[in-house]
Amino acid sequence: MARAGIFTLLIALTSPLAVLAQDEFGGRALNGSPRADEHWLAPPRETLKGISEVAVVIETLKPVAQTAGLSIEVLKNDVEQQLKRSRIKVRDMPTPLMQKTGARSATDIVYVKVGSVRPEGSESIVYSVSVEAKQIVTLDRLRARIRGTTTWESGMLGIVGTDEFVTEVRSDVGEHVGRFINDYLAANR
């Protein structure tokens, strides 16, 4: 009974906040869904239009993931191969030497994050996977270009035994990279 009371209280408290948030953020609901008459933000798929090449960046892995056998190199290779099989050009990230010599590099990034934690006394690992498209975005009002802005994202949470961790994470990363590829190909027909 106490849980039902708390749940009712949460709904009562958050409902006015949802209405306030809709008013404060141009009619957008808390889940980010636009109203039917709103067109100020491009759908995520459309932000992929015109990208000619990408670089792949894998965020530093937590010790739990490394101890279980996951490596940045394996994930990076998996993602790059999946993109290349779909005929998406993959380039290296810009480095100071590349910038100095004028060598070409990608400015659009497929960014992969894998979070992981092992609850104390457990043989399971709780993990998250996020695949993002990061691009340079221009703010007209400031006449400024902002690097590394997430314009597209797909992700998930999971829990798995330590023995299956690497296989499951690689599969889940592949699934979400596949979603990126589908949206990229649809936007660039």
C-alpha atoms as a PDB file:
ATOM      1  CA  MET A   1       0.000   0.000   0.000  1.00  0.00           C
ATOM      2  CA  ALA A   2       2.869   2.371   0.753  1.00  0.00           C
ATOM      3  CA  ARG A   3       4.260   1.827  -2.757  1.00  0.00           C
ATOM      4  CA  ALA A   4       0.938   2.719  -4.375  1.00  0.00           C
ATOM      5  CA  GLY A   5       0.786   5.872  -2.262  1.00  0.00           C
ATOM      6  CA  ILE A   6       4.316   6.890  -3.264  1.00  0.00           C
ATOM      7  CA  PHE A   7       3.562   6.172  -6.923  1.00  0.00           C
ATOM      8  CA  THR A   8       0.419   8.319  -6.779  1.00  0.00           C
ATOM      9  CA  LEU A   9       2.378  11.079  -5.077  1.00  0.00           C
ATOM     10  CA  LEU A  10       5.073  10.966  -7.775  1.00  0.00           C
ATOM     11  CA  ILE A  11       2.468  11.248 -10.527  1.00  0.00           C
ATOM     12  CA  ALA A  12       0.801  14.136  -8.744  1.00  0.00           C
ATOM     13  CA  LEU A  13       4.126  15.940  -8.344  1.00  0.00           C
ATOM     14  CA  THR A  14       5.473  15.296 -11.824  1.00  0.00           C
ATOM     15  CA  SER A  15       2.310  16.051 -13.823  1.00  0.00           C
ATOM     16  CA  PRO A  16       2.511  19.805 -13.162  1.00  0.00           C
ATOM     17  CA  LEU A  17       6.229  19.644 -13.973  1.00  0.00           C
ATOM     18  CA  ALA A  18       5.456  18.034 -17.334  1.00  0.00           C
ATOM     19  CA  VAL A  19       3.019  20.821 -18.170  1.00  0.00           C
ATOM     20  CA  LEU A  20       5.566  23.427 -17.044  1.00  0.00           C
ATOM     21  CA  ALA A  21       8.299  21.772 -19.078  1.00  0.00           C
ATOM     22  CA  GLN A  22       6.035  21.764 -22.136  1.00  0.00           C
ATOM     23  CA  ASP A  23       5.435  25.484 -21.743  1.00  0.00           C
ATOM     24  CA  GLU A  24       9.084  26.304 -20.999  1.00  0.00           C
ATOM     25  CA  PHE A  25      10.548  24.278 -23.841  1.00  0.00           C
ATOM     26  CA  GLY A  26       8.415  25.422 -26.726  1.00  0.00           C
ATOM     27  CA  GLY A  27       5.707  22.816 -26.334  1.00  0.00           C
ATOM     28  CA  ARG A  28       8.086  19.862 -26.236  1.00  0.00           C
ATOM     29  CA  ALA A  29       7.041  17.083 -23.904  1.00  0.00           C
ATOM     30  CA  LEU A  30       9.511  15.704 -21.369  1.00  0.00           C
ATOM     31  CA  ASN A  31      10.264  12.761 -23.646  1.00  0.00           C
ATOM     32  CA  GLY A  32      11.412  15.170 -26.372  1.00  0.00           C
ATOM     33  CA  SER A  33       8.458  14.519 -28.663  1.00  0.00           C
ATOM     34  CA  PRO A  34       7.535  17.631 -30.630  1.00  0.00           C
ATOM     35  CA  ARG A  35       4.015  18.906 -31.026  1.00  0.00           C
ATOM     36  CA  ALA A  36       2.491  18.452 -34.457  1.00  0.00           C
ATOM     37  CA  ASP A  37       3.010  22.133 -35.359  1.00  0.00           C
ATOM     38  CA  GLU A  38       6.672  22.179 -34.337  1.00  0.00           C
ATOM     39  CA  HIS A  39       9.461  22.003 -36.924  1.00  0.00           C
ATOM     40  CA  TRP A  40      12.404  23.754 -35.290  1.00  0.00           C
ATOM     41  CA  LEU A  41      14.466  20.610 -34.739  1.00  0.00           C
ATOM     42  CA  ALA A  42      15.458  18.218 -37.519  1.00  0.00           C
ATOM     43  CA  PRO A  43      14.595  14.550 -36.949  1.00  0.00           C
ATOM     44  CA  PRO A  44      17.772  12.649 -35.945  1.00  0.00           C
ATOM     45  CA  ARG A  45      17.859  10.663 -39.201  1.00  0.00           C
ATOM     46  CA  GLU A  46      17.897  13.877 -41.235  1.00  0.00           C
ATOM     47  CA  THR A  47      21.001  15.124 -39.393  1.00  0.00           C
ATOM     48  CA  LEU A  48      22.946  12.289 -41.060  1.00  0.00           C
ATOM     49  CA  LYS A  49      22.242  13.604 -44.566  1.00  0.00           C
ATOM     50  CA  GLY A  50      25.366  14.635 -46.437  1.00  0.00           C
ATOM     51  CA  ILE A  51      27.902  12.921 -44.185  1.00  0.00           C
ATOM     52  CA  SER A  52      30.527  11.563 -46.554  1.00  0.00           C
ATOM     53  CA  GLU A  53      32.826   9.843 -44.056  1.00  0.00           C
ATOM     54  CA  VAL A  54      33.108   9.128 -40.344  1.00  0.00           C
ATOM     55  CA  ALA A  55      35.727   8.386 -37.737  1.00  0.00           C
ATOM     56  CA  VAL A  56      35.075   5.764 -35.062  1.00  0.00           C
ATOM     57  CA  VAL A  57      35.807   6.605 -31.439  1.00  0.00           C
ATOM     58  CA  ILE A  58      35.386   4.148 -28.581  1.00  0.00           C
ATOM     59  CA  GLU A  59      35.204   5.727 -25.133  1.00  0.00           C
ATOM     60  CA  THR A  60      37.654   4.434 -22.529  1.00  0.00           C
ATOM     61  CA  LEU A  61      36.311   1.241 -20.978  1.00  0.00           C
ATOM     62  CA  LYS A  62      35.739   0.747 -17.255  1.00  0.00           C
ATOM     63  CA  PRO A  63      38.044  -1.725 -15.459  1.00  0.00           C
ATOM     64  CA  VAL A  64      35.100  -4.144 -15.073  1.00  0.00           C
ATOM     65  CA  ALA A  65      34.778  -4.381 -18.867  1.00  0.00           C
ATOM     66  CA  GLN A  66      38.523  -4.740 -19.386  1.00  0.00           C
ATOM     67  CA  THR A  67      38.805  -7.449 -16.720  1.00  0.00           C
ATOM     68  CA  ALA A  68      35.976  -9.357 -18.430  1.00  0.00           C
ATOM     69  CA  GLY A  69      38.020  -9.283 -21.661  1.00  0.00           C
ATOM     70  CA  LEU A  70      36.514  -6.417 -23.668  1.00  0.00           C
ATOM     71  CA  SER A  71      38.966  -4.153 -25.495  1.00  0.00           C
ATOM     72  CA  ILE A  72      38.737  -0.847 -27.320  1.00  0.00           C
ATOM     73  CA  GLU A  73      40.652  -2.314 -30.267  1.00  0.00           C
ATOM     74  CA  VAL A  74      38.186  -5.168 -30.789  1.00  0.00           C
ATOM     75  CA  LEU A  75      35.149  -2.861 -30.546  1.00  0.00           C
ATOM     76  CA  LYS A  76      36.726  -0.295 -32.892  1.00  0.00           C
ATOM     77  CA  ASN A  77      37.545  -2.980 -35.450  1.00  0.00           C
ATOM     78  CA  ASP A  78      33.994  -4.435 -35.208  1.00  0.00           C
ATOM     79  CA  VAL A  79      32.388  -1.025 -35.760  1.00  0.00           C
ATOM     80  CA  GLU A  80      34.728   0.014 -38.582  1.00  0.00           C
ATOM     81  CA  GLN A  81      34.201  -3.269 -40.434  1.00  0.00           C
ATOM     82  CA  GLN A  82      30.423  -3.032 -40.069  1.00  0.00           C
ATOM     83  CA  LEU A  83      30.442   0.527 -41.451  1.00  0.00           C
ATOM     84  CA  LYS A  84      32.746  -0.414 -44.336  1.00  0.00           C
ATOM     85  CA  ARG A  85      30.560  -3.411 -45.271  1.00  0.00           C
ATOM     86  CA  SER A  86      27.723  -0.906 -45.635  1.00  0.00           C
ATOM     87  CA  ARG A  87      29.903   1.265 -47.889  1.00  0.00           C
ATOM     88  CA  ILE A  88      30.293   4.053 -45.352  1.00  0.00           C
ATOM     89  CA  LYS A  89      33.750   5.568 -45.664  1.00  0.00           C
ATOM     90  CA  VAL A  90      35.781   5.389 -42.444  1.00  0.00           C
ATOM     91  CA  ARG A  91      38.673   7.772 -41.807  1.00  0.00           C
ATOM     92  CA  ASP A  92      41.043   8.391 -38.916  1.00  0.00           C
ATOM     93  CA  MET A  93      40.384  10.986 -36.241  1.00  0.00           C
ATOM     94  CA  PRO A  94      42.223  14.280 -36.696  1.00  0.00           C
ATOM     95  CA  THR A  95      45.527  14.443 -34.840  1.00  0.00           C
ATOM     96  CA  PRO A  96      47.822  17.460 -34.412  1.00  0.00           C
ATOM     97  CA  LEU A  97      50.230  15.943 -36.955  1.00  0.00           C
ATOM     98  CA  MET A  98      47.422  15.431 -39.503  1.00  0.00           C
ATOM     99  CA  GLN A  99      46.287  19.028 -39.030  1.00  0.00           C
ATOM    100  CA  LYS A 100      49.866  20.297 -39.422  1.00  0.00           C
ATOM    101  CA  THR A 101      50.519  18.307 -42.600  1.00  0.00           C
ATOM    102  CA  GLY A 102      47.062  18.883 -44.074  1.00  0.00           C
ATOM    103  CA  ALA A 103      46.238  15.154 -44.182  1.00  0.00           C
ATOM    104  CA  ARG A 104      42.541  14.412 -44.542  1.00  0.00           C
ATOM    105  CA  SER A 105      40.545  13.252 -41.553  1.00  0.00           C
ATOM    106  CA  ALA A 106      36.889  12.855 -40.685  1.00  0.00           C
ATOM    107  CA  THR A 107      35.063  15.466 -38.619  1.00  0.00           C
ATOM    108  CA  ASP A 108      31.881  13.397 -38.192  1.00  0.00           C
ATOM    109  CA  ILE A 109      32.203  10.724 -35.538  1.00  0.00           C
ATOM    110  CA  VAL A 110      30.500   7.462 -34.650  1.00  0.00           C
ATOM    111  CA  TYR A 111      31.042   7.452 -30.889  1.00  0.00           C
ATOM    112  CA  VAL A 112      30.564   4.257 -28.883  1.00  0.00           C
ATOM    113  CA  LYS A 113      30.220   4.187 -25.095  1.00  0.00           C
ATOM    114  CA  VAL A 114      30.067   1.028 -23.014  1.00  0.00           C
ATOM    115  CA  GLY A 115      29.419   1.511 -19.319  1.00  0.00           C
ATOM    116  CA  SER A 116      29.763  -1.396 -16.911  1.00  0.00           C
ATOM    117  CA  VAL A 117      29.497  -2.182 -13.225  1.00  0.00           C
ATOM    118  CA  ARG A 118      29.576  -5.415 -11.260  1.00  0.00           C
ATOM    119  CA  PRO A 119      27.339  -5.281  -8.190  1.00  0.00           C
ATOM    120  CA  GLU A 120      29.217  -6.363  -5.060  1.00  0.00           C
ATOM    121  CA  GLY A 121      29.100 -10.117  -4.568  1.00  0.00           C
ATOM    122  CA  SER A 122      27.568 -10.745  -8.006  1.00  0.00           C
ATOM    123  CA  GLU A 123      28.797 -12.742 -10.975  1.00  0.00           C
ATOM    124  CA  SER A 124      26.720 -10.541 -13.300  1.00  0.00           C
ATOM    125  CA  ILE A 125      27.695  -7.295 -14.997  1.00  0.00           C
ATOM    126  CA  VAL A 126      25.204  -4.493 -15.526  1.00  0.00           C
ATOM    127  CA  TYR A 127      26.088  -2.574 -18.688  1.00  0.00           C
ATOM    128  CA  SER A 128      24.968   0.143 -21.051  1.00  0.00           C
ATOM    129  CA  VAL A 129      25.691   0.609 -24.735  1.00  0.00           C
ATOM    130  CA  SER A 130      25.336   3.909 -26.545  1.00  0.00           C
ATOM    131  CA  VAL A 131      26.125   4.623 -30.191  1.00  0.00           C
ATOM    132  CA  GLU A 132      26.082   8.295 -31.171  1.00  0.00           C
ATOM    133  CA  ALA A 133      26.699  10.398 -34.258  1.00  0.00           C
ATOM    134  CA  LYS A 134      28.682  13.469 -33.264  1.00  0.00           C
ATOM    135  CA  GLN A 135      29.021  16.362 -35.663  1.00  0.00           C
ATOM    136  CA  ILE A 136      30.112  19.976 -35.836  1.00  0.00           C
ATOM    137  CA  VAL A 137      27.064  22.147 -35.239  1.00  0.00           C
ATOM    138  CA  THR A 138      26.854  25.865 -35.955  1.00  0.00           C
ATOM    139  CA  LEU A 139      24.993  28.168 -33.577  1.00  0.00           C
ATOM    140  CA  ASP A 140      23.726  30.990 -35.765  1.00  0.00           C
ATOM    141  CA  ARG A 141      23.141  33.430 -32.936  1.00  0.00           C
ATOM    142  CA  LEU A 142      26.742  33.117 -31.729  1.00  0.00           C
ATOM    143  CA  ARG A 143      28.294  32.450 -35.114  1.00  0.00           C
ATOM    144  CA  ALA A 144      30.122  29.630 -33.380  1.00  0.00           C
ATOM    145  CA  ARG A 145      30.897  26.087 -34.435  1.00  0.00           C
ATOM    146  CA  ILE A 146      30.649  23.437 -31.758  1.00  0.00           C
ATOM    147  CA  ARG A 147      32.500  20.174 -32.220  1.00  0.00           C
ATOM    148  CA  GLY A 148      31.268  16.850 -30.919  1.00  0.00           C
ATOM    149  CA  THR A 149      27.570  17.602 -30.686  1.00  0.00           C
ATOM    150  CA  THR A 150      25.412  14.471 -30.537  1.00  0.00           C
ATOM    151  CA  THR A 151      22.853  14.608 -33.352  1.00  0.00           C
ATOM    152  CA  TRP A 152      21.783  10.945 -33.407  1.00  0.00           C
ATOM    153  CA  GLU A 153      21.784   8.310 -30.655  1.00  0.00           C
ATOM    154  CA  SER A 154      20.723   4.747 -29.943  1.00  0.00           C
ATOM    155  CA  GLY A 155      21.392   2.722 -26.823  1.00  0.00           C
ATOM    156  CA  MET A 156      20.312   0.149 -24.272  1.00  0.00           C
ATOM    157  CA  LEU A 157      20.890  -1.341 -20.835  1.00  0.00           C
ATOM    158  CA  GLY A 158      21.577  -4.977 -20.052  1.00  0.00           C
ATOM    159  CA  ILE A 159      22.672  -7.450 -17.421  1.00  0.00           C
ATOM    160  CA  VAL A 160      24.642 -10.567 -18.198  1.00  0.00           C
ATOM    161  CA  GLY A 161      26.954 -13.120 -16.590  1.00  0.00           C
ATOM    162  CA  THR A 162      30.660 -12.346 -16.716  1.00  0.00           C
ATOM    163  CA  ASP A 163      31.310 -15.243 -19.141  1.00  0.00           C
ATOM    164  CA  GLU A 164      28.857 -13.867 -21.718  1.00  0.00           C
ATOM    165  CA  PHE A 165      29.751 -10.184 -21.275  1.00  0.00           C
ATOM    166  CA  VAL A 166      32.100  -9.702 -24.230  1.00  0.00           C
ATOM    167  CA  THR A 167      29.880 -11.593 -26.670  1.00  0.00           C
ATOM    168  CA  GLU A 168      26.721  -9.764 -25.560  1.00  0.00           C
ATOM    169  CA  VAL A 169      28.294  -6.300 -25.638  1.00  0.00           C
ATOM    170  CA  ARG A 170      29.804  -6.843 -29.088  1.00  0.00           C
ATOM    171  CA  SER A 171      26.412  -8.044 -30.329  1.00  0.00           C
ATOM    172  CA  ASP A 172      24.569  -5.093 -28.768  1.00  0.00           C
ATOM    173  CA  VAL A 173      27.067  -2.571 -30.153  1.00  0.00           C
ATOM    174  CA  GLY A 174      26.612  -4.195 -33.567  1.00  0.00           C
ATOM    175  CA  GLU A 175      22.829  -3.912 -33.285  1.00  0.00           C
ATOM    176  CA  HIS A 176      22.963  -0.185 -32.495  1.00  0.00           C
ATOM    177  CA  VAL A 177      25.596   0.514 -35.152  1.00  0.00           C
ATOM    178  CA  GLY A 178      23.177  -1.261 -37.510  1.00  0.00           C
ATOM    179  CA  ARG A 179      20.469   1.219 -36.528  1.00  0.00           C
ATOM    180  CA  PHE A 180      22.883   4.066 -37.313  1.00  0.00           C
ATOM    181  CA  ILE A 181      23.675   2.492 -40.681  1.00  0.00           C
ATOM    182  CA  ASN A 182      19.974   2.087 -41.540  1.00  0.00           C
ATOM    183  CA  ASP A 183      19.242   5.730 -40.708  1.00  0.00           C
ATOM    184  CA  TYR A 184      22.398   6.916 -42.494  1.00  0.00           C
ATOM    185  CA  LEU A 185      21.515   4.997 -45.661  1.00  0.00           C
ATOM    186  CA  ALA A 186      17.899   6.211 -45.559  1.00  0.00           C
ATOM    187  CA  ALA A 187      19.052   9.830 -45.192  1.00  0.00           C
ATOM    188  CA  ASN A 188      21.626   9.566 -48.007  1.00  0.00           C
ATOM    189  CA  ARG A 189      19.678   7.808 -50.773  1.00  0.00           C
END
